[in-house]
């Protein structure tokens, strides 16, 4: 299957990245991972410069050195990266965190532990909003 979109998963916990990867494993997408937001931002910028930009970034909210909100702010401040859909992944389910992320431009959010079916559905819906339609069997 030929990949039709590229997705970056950013989380300092490898099992959290693996959980999202497994949820999306049957979709025709390329998935890259990063264990921190600073490295992810550098890779996202590099990919965009090479014409191989990402469609969606999944990012944990709480990470050392650079948070998911910091990553979102950086993406939103760059006209070339602002188009990337951003899904905040958080164990902080309180309203203030989610409201701030959405105000900053997050497309959607997922609560931890991530429900794999919800993750898959939000990914497909987000790609559809970006004009990328996935033909797959419904799970």
N, C-alpha and C. Protein backbone atom coordinates (compact mmCIF):
# COMPACT_ATOMS: atom_id res chain seq x y z
N UNK A 1 0.83 -1.18 0.00
CA UNK A 1 0.00 0.00 0.00
C UNK A 1 0.88 1.24 0.00
N UNK A 2 0.59 2.16 -0.89
CA UNK A 2 1.35 3.40 -0.99
C UNK A 2 0.88 4.40 0.05
N UNK A 3 1.81 4.97 0.81
CA UNK A 3 1.40 5.96 1.82
C UNK A 3 0.82 7.21 1.17
N UNK A 4 -0.26 7.70 1.74
CA UNK A 4 -0.90 8.89 1.19
C UNK A 4 -0.76 10.09 2.13
N UNK A 5 -0.17 9.88 3.29
CA UNK A 5 0.03 10.97 4.24
C UNK A 5 1.18 10.60 5.17
N UNK A 6 1.77 11.64 5.76
CA UNK A 6 2.85 11.44 6.74
C UNK A 6 2.39 11.98 8.09
N UNK A 7 2.67 11.21 9.13
CA UNK A 7 2.25 11.58 10.48
C UNK A 7 3.45 11.50 11.41
N UNK A 8 3.56 12.50 12.29
CA UNK A 8 4.61 12.52 13.32
C UNK A 8 3.95 12.31 14.68
N UNK A 9 4.50 11.37 15.44
CA UNK A 9 4.02 11.12 16.80
C UNK A 9 5.13 11.57 17.75
N UNK A 10 4.79 12.49 18.66
CA UNK A 10 5.77 13.06 19.58
C UNK A 10 5.34 12.77 21.01
N UNK A 11 6.15 12.00 21.70
CA UNK A 11 5.87 11.68 23.11
C UNK A 11 7.16 11.19 23.73
N UNK A 12 7.44 11.60 24.95
CA UNK A 12 8.66 11.16 25.61
C UNK A 12 8.58 9.72 26.09
N UNK A 13 7.39 9.14 26.08
CA UNK A 13 7.19 7.75 26.51
C UNK A 13 7.00 6.86 25.28
N UNK A 14 7.92 5.92 25.10
CA UNK A 14 7.86 5.06 23.90
C UNK A 14 6.59 4.23 23.83
N UNK A 15 6.07 3.77 24.97
CA UNK A 15 4.85 2.95 24.92
C UNK A 15 3.66 3.78 24.46
N UNK A 16 3.66 5.07 24.75
CA UNK A 16 2.57 5.93 24.27
C UNK A 16 2.66 6.12 22.76
N UNK A 17 3.88 6.30 22.25
CA UNK A 17 4.04 6.39 20.79
C UNK A 17 3.63 5.08 20.13
N UNK A 18 4.04 3.95 20.71
CA UNK A 18 3.68 2.64 20.15
C UNK A 18 2.17 2.42 20.12
N UNK A 19 1.50 2.90 21.15
CA UNK A 19 0.05 2.73 21.25
C UNK A 19 -0.66 3.44 20.09
N UNK A 20 -0.24 4.64 19.79
CA UNK A 20 -0.83 5.39 18.67
C UNK A 20 -0.45 4.72 17.35
N UNK A 21 0.80 4.32 17.23
CA UNK A 21 1.26 3.65 16.00
C UNK A 21 0.41 2.41 15.71
N UNK A 22 0.16 1.61 16.73
CA UNK A 22 -0.65 0.39 16.55
C UNK A 22 -2.07 0.74 16.10
N UNK A 23 -2.62 1.82 16.64
CA UNK A 23 -3.98 2.22 16.26
C UNK A 23 -4.08 2.58 14.79
N UNK A 24 -2.97 3.04 14.23
CA UNK A 24 -2.97 3.52 12.85
C UNK A 24 -2.27 2.57 11.88
N UNK A 25 -1.89 1.41 12.37
CA UNK A 25 -1.03 0.49 11.61
C UNK A 25 -1.62 0.02 10.28
N UNK A 26 -2.94 -0.02 10.15
CA UNK A 26 -3.52 -0.52 8.90
C UNK A 26 -3.85 0.59 7.91
N UNK A 27 -3.53 1.83 8.25
CA UNK A 27 -3.83 2.95 7.35
C UNK A 27 -2.65 3.18 6.40
N UNK A 28 -2.92 3.65 5.18
CA UNK A 28 -1.85 3.86 4.20
C UNK A 28 -1.10 5.17 4.45
N UNK A 29 -0.40 5.20 5.58
CA UNK A 29 0.33 6.40 5.99
C UNK A 29 1.75 6.03 6.40
N UNK A 30 2.62 7.02 6.36
CA UNK A 30 3.97 6.88 6.88
C UNK A 30 3.98 7.52 8.26
N UNK A 31 4.50 6.81 9.24
CA UNK A 31 4.55 7.33 10.60
C UNK A 31 6.00 7.48 11.02
N UNK A 32 6.30 8.65 11.54
CA UNK A 32 7.60 8.89 12.15
C UNK A 32 7.36 9.25 13.61
N UNK A 33 8.39 9.01 14.43
CA UNK A 33 8.26 9.25 15.86
C UNK A 33 9.41 10.10 16.37
N UNK A 34 9.13 10.83 17.44
CA UNK A 34 10.17 11.58 18.13
C UNK A 34 9.89 11.52 19.62
N UNK A 35 10.95 11.44 20.40
CA UNK A 35 10.79 11.36 21.85
C UNK A 35 10.79 12.72 22.52
N UNK A 36 10.98 13.79 21.73
CA UNK A 36 10.90 15.13 22.32
C UNK A 36 10.47 16.15 21.28
N UNK A 37 9.87 17.22 21.75
CA UNK A 37 9.27 18.22 20.86
C UNK A 37 10.32 19.02 20.09
N UNK A 38 11.45 19.28 20.71
CA UNK A 38 12.49 20.06 20.03
C UNK A 38 13.00 19.31 18.80
N UNK A 39 13.32 18.04 18.97
CA UNK A 39 13.77 17.22 17.83
C UNK A 39 12.66 17.11 16.78
N UNK A 40 11.44 16.93 17.24
CA UNK A 40 10.30 16.82 16.31
C UNK A 40 10.17 18.08 15.47
N UNK A 41 10.29 19.24 16.10
CA UNK A 41 10.18 20.50 15.37
C UNK A 41 11.26 20.59 14.30
N UNK A 42 12.49 20.23 14.64
CA UNK A 42 13.57 20.25 13.66
C UNK A 42 13.28 19.31 12.49
N UNK A 43 12.77 18.13 12.78
CA UNK A 43 12.46 17.16 11.72
C UNK A 43 11.27 17.61 10.88
N UNK A 44 10.29 18.24 11.50
CA UNK A 44 9.12 18.75 10.77
C UNK A 44 9.54 19.86 9.82
N UNK A 45 10.39 20.77 10.29
CA UNK A 45 10.89 21.86 9.44
C UNK A 45 11.70 21.28 8.28
N UNK A 46 12.59 20.35 8.58
CA UNK A 46 13.43 19.73 7.56
C UNK A 46 12.57 19.02 6.50
N UNK A 47 11.57 18.29 6.94
CA UNK A 47 10.69 17.58 6.00
C UNK A 47 9.94 18.57 5.10
N UNK A 48 9.48 19.66 5.70
CA UNK A 48 8.76 20.67 4.92
C UNK A 48 9.68 21.29 3.86
N UNK A 49 10.92 21.58 4.24
CA UNK A 49 11.88 22.16 3.30
C UNK A 49 12.20 21.21 2.15
N UNK A 50 12.12 19.92 2.41
CA UNK A 50 12.39 18.91 1.39
C UNK A 50 11.15 18.54 0.59
N UNK A 51 10.02 19.19 0.86
CA UNK A 51 8.79 18.90 0.14
C UNK A 51 8.11 17.62 0.57
N UNK A 52 8.46 17.14 1.76
CA UNK A 52 7.88 15.90 2.28
C UNK A 52 7.24 16.17 3.64
N UNK A 53 6.44 17.22 3.70
CA UNK A 53 5.85 17.66 4.96
C UNK A 53 4.87 16.67 5.56
N UNK A 54 4.58 16.90 6.81
CA UNK A 54 3.64 16.06 7.55
C UNK A 54 2.23 16.60 7.43
N UNK A 55 1.26 15.68 7.44
CA UNK A 55 -0.15 16.06 7.42
C UNK A 55 -0.67 16.28 8.83
N UNK A 56 -0.23 15.42 9.76
CA UNK A 56 -0.72 15.47 11.14
C UNK A 56 0.46 15.29 12.10
N UNK A 57 0.42 16.03 13.20
CA UNK A 57 1.32 15.81 14.32
C UNK A 57 0.46 15.44 15.53
N UNK A 58 0.76 14.29 16.12
CA UNK A 58 0.21 13.91 17.42
C UNK A 58 1.27 14.30 18.43
N UNK A 59 0.92 15.07 19.44
CA UNK A 59 1.92 15.45 20.43
C UNK A 59 1.38 15.33 21.83
N UNK A 60 2.20 14.74 22.69
CA UNK A 60 1.92 14.72 24.11
C UNK A 60 1.96 16.15 24.62
N UNK A 61 1.16 16.42 25.61
CA UNK A 61 1.13 17.76 26.22
C UNK A 61 2.34 17.97 27.11
N UNK A 62 2.61 17.01 27.98
CA UNK A 62 3.60 17.18 29.03
C UNK A 62 4.89 16.43 28.69
N UNK A 63 5.90 17.20 28.27
CA UNK A 63 7.22 16.63 27.98
C UNK A 63 8.27 17.58 28.54
N UNK A 64 9.43 17.04 28.90
CA UNK A 64 10.49 17.92 29.41
C UNK A 64 11.06 18.82 28.32
N UNK A 65 11.59 19.96 28.71
CA UNK A 65 12.28 20.93 27.86
C UNK A 65 11.37 21.73 26.93
N UNK A 66 10.50 21.06 26.21
CA UNK A 66 9.58 21.73 25.29
C UNK A 66 8.26 20.97 25.33
N UNK A 67 7.20 21.64 25.75
CA UNK A 67 5.90 20.96 25.87
C UNK A 67 5.21 20.85 24.52
N UNK A 68 4.12 20.09 24.51
CA UNK A 68 3.30 20.00 23.32
C UNK A 68 2.72 21.35 22.93
N UNK A 69 2.36 22.17 23.92
CA UNK A 69 1.86 23.51 23.62
C UNK A 69 2.94 24.37 22.98
N UNK A 70 4.19 24.23 23.46
CA UNK A 70 5.30 24.97 22.84
C UNK A 70 5.48 24.55 21.39
N UNK A 71 5.38 23.26 21.13
CA UNK A 71 5.49 22.76 19.76
C UNK A 71 4.36 23.31 18.90
N UNK A 72 3.16 23.29 19.43
CA UNK A 72 2.01 23.83 18.70
C UNK A 72 2.21 25.31 18.39
N UNK A 73 2.68 26.09 19.37
CA UNK A 73 2.94 27.52 19.15
C UNK A 73 3.96 27.71 18.02
N UNK A 74 5.02 26.89 18.05
CA UNK A 74 6.06 27.01 17.02
C UNK A 74 5.50 26.70 15.63
N UNK A 75 4.69 25.67 15.52
CA UNK A 75 4.10 25.32 14.23
C UNK A 75 3.15 26.42 13.75
N UNK A 76 2.35 26.94 14.67
CA UNK A 76 1.37 27.96 14.30
C UNK A 76 2.02 29.28 13.93
N UNK A 77 3.23 29.53 14.41
CA UNK A 77 3.90 30.79 14.12
C UNK A 77 4.60 30.78 12.76
N UNK A 78 4.69 29.63 12.13
CA UNK A 78 5.36 29.51 10.83
C UNK A 78 4.30 29.31 9.75
N UNK A 79 4.19 30.24 8.80
CA UNK A 79 3.15 30.12 7.77
C UNK A 79 3.21 28.82 6.97
N UNK A 80 4.41 28.25 6.82
CA UNK A 80 4.55 27.01 6.06
C UNK A 80 4.16 25.77 6.87
N UNK A 81 4.15 25.89 8.19
CA UNK A 81 3.85 24.74 9.06
C UNK A 81 2.46 24.83 9.68
N UNK A 82 1.87 25.99 9.60
CA UNK A 82 0.55 26.23 10.21
C UNK A 82 -0.53 25.31 9.67
N UNK A 83 -0.33 24.84 8.45
CA UNK A 83 -1.33 23.98 7.79
C UNK A 83 -1.35 22.56 8.36
N UNK A 84 -0.33 22.18 9.11
CA UNK A 84 -0.26 20.83 9.66
C UNK A 84 -1.29 20.66 10.76
N UNK A 85 -2.12 19.64 10.64
CA UNK A 85 -3.11 19.36 11.68
C UNK A 85 -2.37 18.90 12.94
N UNK A 86 -2.89 19.30 14.09
CA UNK A 86 -2.22 19.02 15.37
C UNK A 86 -3.22 18.38 16.32
N UNK A 87 -2.90 17.18 16.77
CA UNK A 87 -3.76 16.49 17.73
C UNK A 87 -3.00 16.38 19.05
N UNK A 88 -3.51 17.07 20.06
CA UNK A 88 -2.89 17.07 21.39
C UNK A 88 -3.30 15.79 22.11
N UNK A 89 -2.31 15.14 22.70
CA UNK A 89 -2.54 13.92 23.46
C UNK A 89 -2.18 14.23 24.90
N UNK A 90 -3.12 14.03 25.82
CA UNK A 90 -2.86 14.48 27.18
C UNK A 90 -3.53 13.61 28.24
N UNK A 91 -2.85 13.52 29.36
CA UNK A 91 -3.45 12.89 30.54
C UNK A 91 -4.10 13.98 31.40
N UNK A 92 -3.90 15.23 31.02
CA UNK A 92 -4.46 16.38 31.73
C UNK A 92 -5.83 16.70 31.13
N UNK A 93 -6.84 16.05 31.61
CA UNK A 93 -8.17 16.18 31.01
C UNK A 93 -8.92 17.43 31.47
N UNK A 94 -8.31 18.23 32.36
CA UNK A 94 -9.02 19.42 32.81
C UNK A 94 -9.21 20.39 31.66
N UNK A 95 -10.28 21.13 31.72
CA UNK A 95 -10.70 21.99 30.63
C UNK A 95 -9.70 23.04 30.21
N UNK A 96 -8.98 23.65 31.15
CA UNK A 96 -8.08 24.76 30.82
C UNK A 96 -6.99 24.35 29.83
N UNK A 97 -6.42 23.17 30.03
CA UNK A 97 -5.37 22.68 29.15
C UNK A 97 -5.91 22.48 27.74
N UNK A 98 -7.05 21.85 27.64
CA UNK A 98 -7.64 21.57 26.33
C UNK A 98 -8.10 22.84 25.64
N UNK A 99 -8.70 23.75 26.39
CA UNK A 99 -9.14 25.02 25.81
C UNK A 99 -7.95 25.80 25.26
N UNK A 100 -6.85 25.83 26.03
CA UNK A 100 -5.66 26.53 25.56
C UNK A 100 -5.13 25.92 24.27
N UNK A 101 -5.07 24.60 24.21
CA UNK A 101 -4.57 23.92 23.01
C UNK A 101 -5.47 24.23 21.81
N UNK A 102 -6.76 24.18 22.00
CA UNK A 102 -7.68 24.46 20.90
C UNK A 102 -7.60 25.93 20.47
N UNK A 103 -7.45 26.83 21.44
CA UNK A 103 -7.30 28.25 21.10
C UNK A 103 -6.03 28.51 20.30
N UNK A 104 -4.99 27.76 20.60
CA UNK A 104 -3.72 27.92 19.88
C UNK A 104 -3.75 27.31 18.49
N UNK A 105 -4.77 26.51 18.20
CA UNK A 105 -4.89 25.95 16.86
C UNK A 105 -4.89 24.44 16.77
N UNK A 106 -4.93 23.75 17.90
CA UNK A 106 -5.01 22.29 17.84
C UNK A 106 -6.28 21.88 17.09
N UNK A 107 -6.15 20.88 16.27
CA UNK A 107 -7.28 20.38 15.48
C UNK A 107 -8.21 19.54 16.34
N UNK A 108 -7.61 18.75 17.23
CA UNK A 108 -8.37 17.83 18.09
C UNK A 108 -7.49 17.43 19.26
N UNK A 109 -8.05 16.63 20.15
CA UNK A 109 -7.25 16.11 21.25
C UNK A 109 -7.69 14.69 21.57
N UNK A 110 -6.78 13.97 22.20
CA UNK A 110 -7.07 12.62 22.69
C UNK A 110 -6.61 12.56 24.15
N UNK A 111 -7.43 11.94 24.98
CA UNK A 111 -7.05 11.74 26.37
C UNK A 111 -6.27 10.45 26.51
N UNK A 112 -5.30 10.47 27.43
CA UNK A 112 -4.56 9.25 27.77
C UNK A 112 -5.30 8.54 28.89
N UNK A 113 -5.32 7.24 28.91
CA UNK A 113 -4.78 6.37 27.86
C UNK A 113 -5.61 6.50 26.58
N UNK A 114 -4.91 6.50 25.46
CA UNK A 114 -5.56 6.71 24.16
C UNK A 114 -6.40 5.50 23.79
N UNK A 115 -7.64 5.78 23.44
CA UNK A 115 -8.54 4.76 22.92
C UNK A 115 -8.16 4.58 21.44
N UNK A 116 -7.74 3.38 21.07
CA UNK A 116 -7.22 3.17 19.72
C UNK A 116 -8.26 3.42 18.64
N UNK A 117 -9.49 3.03 18.86
CA UNK A 117 -10.53 3.26 17.85
C UNK A 117 -10.81 4.75 17.69
N UNK A 118 -10.85 5.47 18.80
CA UNK A 118 -11.05 6.93 18.73
C UNK A 118 -9.88 7.59 18.00
N UNK A 119 -8.68 7.14 18.27
CA UNK A 119 -7.48 7.66 17.61
C UNK A 119 -7.58 7.45 16.10
N UNK A 120 -7.94 6.26 15.72
CA UNK A 120 -8.07 5.92 14.30
C UNK A 120 -9.14 6.78 13.62
N UNK A 121 -10.30 6.90 14.26
CA UNK A 121 -11.40 7.69 13.69
C UNK A 121 -11.02 9.17 13.56
N UNK A 122 -10.36 9.72 14.59
CA UNK A 122 -9.96 11.14 14.52
C UNK A 122 -8.91 11.35 13.43
N UNK A 123 -8.04 10.38 13.26
CA UNK A 123 -7.03 10.49 12.21
C UNK A 123 -7.68 10.50 10.83
N UNK A 124 -8.58 9.56 10.60
CA UNK A 124 -9.27 9.49 9.31
C UNK A 124 -10.08 10.76 9.06
N UNK A 125 -10.79 11.25 10.08
CA UNK A 125 -11.59 12.48 9.93
C UNK A 125 -10.69 13.69 9.67
N UNK A 126 -9.57 13.77 10.35
CA UNK A 126 -8.65 14.89 10.16
C UNK A 126 -8.05 14.86 8.76
N UNK A 127 -7.65 13.68 8.31
CA UNK A 127 -7.13 13.57 6.95
C UNK A 127 -8.20 13.95 5.92
N UNK A 128 -9.42 13.53 6.17
CA UNK A 128 -10.52 13.89 5.25
C UNK A 128 -10.69 15.41 5.20
N UNK A 129 -10.61 16.08 6.37
CA UNK A 129 -10.69 17.54 6.42
C UNK A 129 -9.57 18.20 5.63
N UNK A 130 -8.43 17.50 5.55
CA UNK A 130 -7.28 18.02 4.79
C UNK A 130 -7.36 17.66 3.31
N UNK A 131 -8.41 16.93 2.94
CA UNK A 131 -8.60 16.55 1.54
C UNK A 131 -7.98 15.21 1.18
N UNK A 132 -7.56 14.44 2.21
CA UNK A 132 -6.96 13.13 1.99
C UNK A 132 -7.97 12.08 2.42
N UNK A 133 -8.51 11.35 1.47
CA UNK A 133 -9.54 10.35 1.76
C UNK A 133 -8.90 8.98 1.80
N UNK A 134 -9.15 8.26 2.87
CA UNK A 134 -8.62 6.91 3.04
C UNK A 134 -9.73 5.92 2.74
N UNK A 135 -9.45 5.05 1.79
CA UNK A 135 -10.36 3.95 1.47
C UNK A 135 -9.89 2.75 2.26
N UNK A 136 -10.62 2.40 3.29
CA UNK A 136 -10.23 1.24 4.09
C UNK A 136 -11.48 0.57 4.62
N UNK A 137 -11.32 -0.68 5.03
CA UNK A 137 -12.46 -1.35 5.62
C UNK A 137 -12.76 -0.68 6.94
N UNK A 138 -14.02 -0.60 7.30
CA UNK A 138 -14.38 0.05 8.55
C UNK A 138 -14.14 -0.92 9.71
N UNK A 139 -13.45 -0.41 10.71
CA UNK A 139 -13.16 -1.20 11.90
C UNK A 139 -14.14 -0.87 12.98
